[in-house]
Amino acid sequence: MINKIDKIILLVGLMGSGKTSVGKRLAKRLNLPFVDGDQEIEKASGLSLVDVLKCFGETEYRAGEMRVMKRLLQGAPCVLASGGGSFVAEQTRALAKENAITIWLKADINVLYHRTAGRKHRPFLKGSDSELKSKLEKYISDEYPYYSEADIIVETREEQVDLTVNRVIEAVNKFLAES
């Protein structure tokens, strides 16, 4: 079992990979605070993610996301669920390498589709459910190469969240033992 974590545990992955649900339970098990990157963007902007995109566009959204992630990655140890695309930014990946243990919650297209279909609060997946699979395939193609730079990769499946959390803890223990 993990003793004392003195770094941020950064969960990365696409929308629907389980960053928030796994992150909350992982934080509880590790006795660390949980921080949701998307919620921090909303707090910083005073707007919902959907409204930030509507008002400012994707470029400014990403710039704001990078500022928020920079602040969070220089903070105290916690379990941090990143926004879906935040790990794509080179500055965020560099800060994460310095200040965090990065864990890619990797999910296949079917898991992602099942978890995101019909969800209206995901601004980057706006559109019909019939368009969703092609959007997810594009995100997988574009972003998985960046996620593969994470320290640890844990496959997420259609299973109870606690089983995924157990596998994350096992992977972190192994990573720390080898470091």
Protein backbone atom coordinates (compact mmCIF):
# COMPACT_ATOMS: atom_id res chain seq x y z
CA MET A 1 0.00 0.00 0.00
CA ILE A 2 1.16 3.50 -0.79
CA ASN A 3 2.53 5.19 2.31
CA LYS A 4 2.98 8.92 1.90
CA ILE A 5 2.52 10.67 -1.42
CA ASP A 6 4.55 13.85 -1.66
CA LYS A 7 3.67 14.62 -5.27
CA ILE A 8 0.57 15.46 -7.23
CA ILE A 9 -1.10 12.47 -8.83
CA LEU A 10 -2.26 13.73 -12.23
CA LEU A 11 -4.92 11.69 -14.02
CA VAL A 12 -5.00 12.24 -17.78
CA GLY A 13 -7.15 10.77 -20.51
CA LEU A 14 -10.05 11.49 -22.81
CA MET A 15 -13.50 12.56 -21.70
CA GLY A 16 -15.20 9.49 -20.27
CA SER A 17 -11.99 7.70 -19.28
CA GLY A 18 -12.88 7.95 -15.59
CA LYS A 19 -10.63 10.75 -14.36
CA THR A 20 -13.24 12.27 -12.06
CA SER A 21 -14.87 9.11 -10.72
CA VAL A 22 -11.55 7.29 -10.22
CA GLY A 23 -9.90 10.47 -8.96
CA LYS A 24 -12.42 11.11 -6.19
CA ARG A 25 -12.14 7.58 -4.83
CA LEU A 26 -8.37 7.46 -5.27
CA ALA A 27 -8.01 10.72 -3.33
CA LYS A 28 -10.11 9.33 -0.50
CA ARG A 29 -8.07 6.11 -0.37
CA LEU A 30 -4.80 8.08 -0.36
CA ASN A 31 -6.07 10.68 2.11
CA LEU A 32 -5.35 13.48 -0.37
CA PRO A 33 -7.58 16.30 -1.60
CA PHE A 34 -9.27 15.81 -4.97
CA VAL A 35 -9.09 18.63 -7.52
CA ASP A 36 -11.03 18.64 -10.78
CA GLY A 37 -9.28 20.65 -13.51
CA ASP A 38 -12.52 21.42 -15.34
CA GLN A 39 -14.13 22.77 -12.15
CA GLU A 40 -11.06 24.92 -11.54
CA ILE A 41 -11.43 26.43 -15.04
CA GLU A 42 -15.07 27.18 -14.28
CA LYS A 43 -14.13 28.82 -10.96
CA ALA A 44 -11.37 30.89 -12.56
CA SER A 45 -13.60 32.10 -15.40
CA GLY A 46 -16.88 32.33 -13.51
CA LEU A 47 -18.50 30.48 -16.41
CA SER A 48 -19.41 26.91 -17.33
CA LEU A 49 -17.06 25.16 -19.75
CA VAL A 50 -19.74 25.41 -22.44
CA ASP A 51 -20.04 29.17 -21.88
CA VAL A 52 -16.26 29.70 -21.83
CA LEU A 53 -16.08 28.08 -25.26
CA LYS A 54 -19.07 30.05 -26.58
CA CYS A 55 -17.78 33.39 -25.30
CA PHE A 56 -14.05 33.05 -25.95
CA GLY A 57 -13.51 30.19 -28.41
CA GLU A 58 -11.27 27.17 -28.15
CA THR A 59 -7.94 29.02 -28.39
CA GLU A 60 -8.65 31.20 -25.34
CA TYR A 61 -10.23 28.23 -23.55
CA ARG A 62 -6.99 26.26 -24.00
CA ALA A 63 -4.88 29.24 -22.89
CA GLY A 64 -6.97 29.56 -19.73
CA GLU A 65 -6.80 25.81 -19.16
CA MET A 66 -3.00 25.98 -19.42
CA ARG A 67 -2.84 28.82 -16.86
CA VAL A 68 -5.05 26.86 -14.45
CA MET A 69 -3.03 23.66 -14.91
CA LYS A 70 0.22 25.58 -14.35
CA ARG A 71 -1.12 26.87 -11.04
CA LEU A 72 -2.44 23.47 -9.97
CA LEU A 73 0.72 21.59 -10.95
CA GLN A 74 2.78 23.90 -8.75
CA GLY A 75 0.52 23.29 -5.76
CA ALA A 76 0.40 20.86 -2.88
CA PRO A 77 0.07 17.08 -3.29
CA CYS A 78 -3.42 16.07 -4.40
CA VAL A 79 -5.19 13.86 -6.90
CA LEU A 80 -5.76 16.09 -9.91
CA ALA A 81 -8.14 15.13 -12.71
CA SER A 82 -7.01 17.09 -15.74
CA GLY A 83 -9.29 18.45 -18.39
CA GLY A 84 -9.47 16.06 -21.34
CA GLY A 85 -7.10 17.95 -23.63
CA SER A 86 -4.89 19.72 -21.12
CA PHE A 87 -2.06 17.16 -21.28
CA VAL A 88 -1.65 17.91 -24.99
CA ALA A 89 -0.01 21.25 -24.12
CA GLU A 90 3.77 20.89 -23.97
CA GLN A 91 4.04 23.27 -20.99
CA THR A 92 1.54 21.18 -19.01
CA ARG A 93 3.36 17.93 -19.79
CA ALA A 94 6.70 19.47 -18.75
CA LEU A 95 5.28 20.75 -15.45
CA ALA A 96 3.65 17.39 -14.84
CA LYS A 97 6.95 15.57 -15.39
CA GLU A 98 8.55 17.84 -12.77
CA ASN A 99 5.80 17.94 -10.17
CA ALA A 100 3.52 14.94 -10.57
CA ILE A 101 3.12 11.25 -11.08
CA THR A 102 1.12 11.08 -14.30
CA ILE A 103 -1.41 8.32 -14.85
CA TRP A 104 -3.14 7.82 -18.19
CA LEU A 105 -6.56 6.28 -17.73
CA LYS A 106 -6.72 4.65 -21.13
CA ALA A 107 -10.12 3.57 -22.44
CA ASP A 108 -11.11 2.05 -25.73
CA ILE A 109 -13.64 3.67 -28.05
CA ASN A 110 -16.56 1.56 -26.86
CA VAL A 111 -16.01 2.46 -23.20
CA LEU A 112 -15.64 6.16 -24.08
CA TYR A 113 -18.75 6.09 -26.25
CA HIS A 114 -20.84 4.38 -23.58
CA ARG A 115 -19.74 6.88 -20.93
CA THR A 116 -20.18 10.04 -23.02
CA ALA A 117 -23.23 9.41 -25.19
CA GLY A 118 -26.06 11.76 -24.29
CA ARG A 119 -23.97 13.86 -21.91
CA LYS A 120 -24.64 17.52 -22.61
CA HIS A 121 -22.01 18.99 -20.24
CA ARG A 122 -19.10 17.91 -22.45
CA PRO A 123 -18.59 20.88 -24.77
CA PHE A 124 -16.04 19.20 -27.04
CA LEU A 125 -18.47 16.40 -27.82
CA LYS A 126 -21.41 18.59 -28.84
CA GLY A 127 -23.52 17.16 -31.63
CA SER A 128 -25.58 14.07 -32.15
CA ASP A 129 -24.71 10.70 -30.68
CA SER A 130 -24.27 9.44 -34.25
CA GLU A 131 -21.34 11.90 -34.66
CA LEU A 132 -19.87 10.97 -31.31
CA LYS A 133 -17.89 7.88 -32.39
CA SER A 134 -16.12 9.75 -35.17
CA LYS A 135 -15.27 12.64 -32.79
CA LEU A 136 -13.93 10.17 -30.24
CA GLU A 137 -11.87 8.39 -32.91
CA LYS A 138 -10.32 11.73 -33.90
CA TYR A 139 -9.50 12.56 -30.26
CA ILE A 140 -7.94 9.11 -29.85
CA SER A 141 -5.83 9.62 -32.96
CA ASP A 142 -4.80 13.17 -32.00
CA GLU A 143 -4.29 12.87 -28.23
CA TYR A 144 -3.27 9.30 -27.36
CA PRO A 145 0.33 9.95 -28.51
CA TYR A 146 0.58 12.69 -25.84
CA TYR A 147 -1.09 10.58 -23.15
CA SER A 148 1.42 7.80 -23.86
CA GLU A 149 4.08 10.04 -22.26
CA ALA A 150 2.46 9.49 -18.85
CA ASP A 151 4.48 7.69 -16.17
CA ILE A 152 1.82 5.02 -15.72
CA ILE A 153 -0.87 3.63 -18.01
CA VAL A 154 -3.96 1.95 -16.54
CA GLU A 155 -6.67 0.56 -18.79
CA THR A 156 -10.16 1.58 -17.73
CA ARG A 157 -12.98 -0.81 -18.46
CA GLU A 158 -16.66 -1.24 -17.88
CA GLU A 159 -16.19 -2.33 -14.29
CA GLN A 160 -16.80 -1.06 -10.79
CA VAL A 161 -14.81 2.11 -10.17
CA ASP A 162 -13.17 0.62 -7.07
CA LEU A 163 -11.61 -2.13 -9.21
CA THR A 164 -10.00 0.52 -11.41
CA VAL A 165 -8.85 2.41 -8.30
CA ASN A 166 -7.24 -0.79 -6.99
CA ARG A 167 -5.36 -1.22 -10.27
CA VAL A 168 -4.21 2.43 -10.16
CA ILE A 169 -2.90 1.98 -6.61
CA GLU A 170 -1.06 -1.22 -7.64
CA ALA A 171 0.49 0.62 -10.60
CA VAL A 172 1.57 3.57 -8.43
CA ASN A 173 3.11 1.20 -5.86
CA LYS A 174 5.06 -0.52 -8.63
CA PHE A 175 6.15 2.82 -10.11
CA LEU A 176 7.35 4.13 -6.73
CA ALA A 177 9.20 0.89 -5.97
CA GLU A 178 11.05 1.16 -9.30
CA SER A 179 11.81 4.88 -8.98
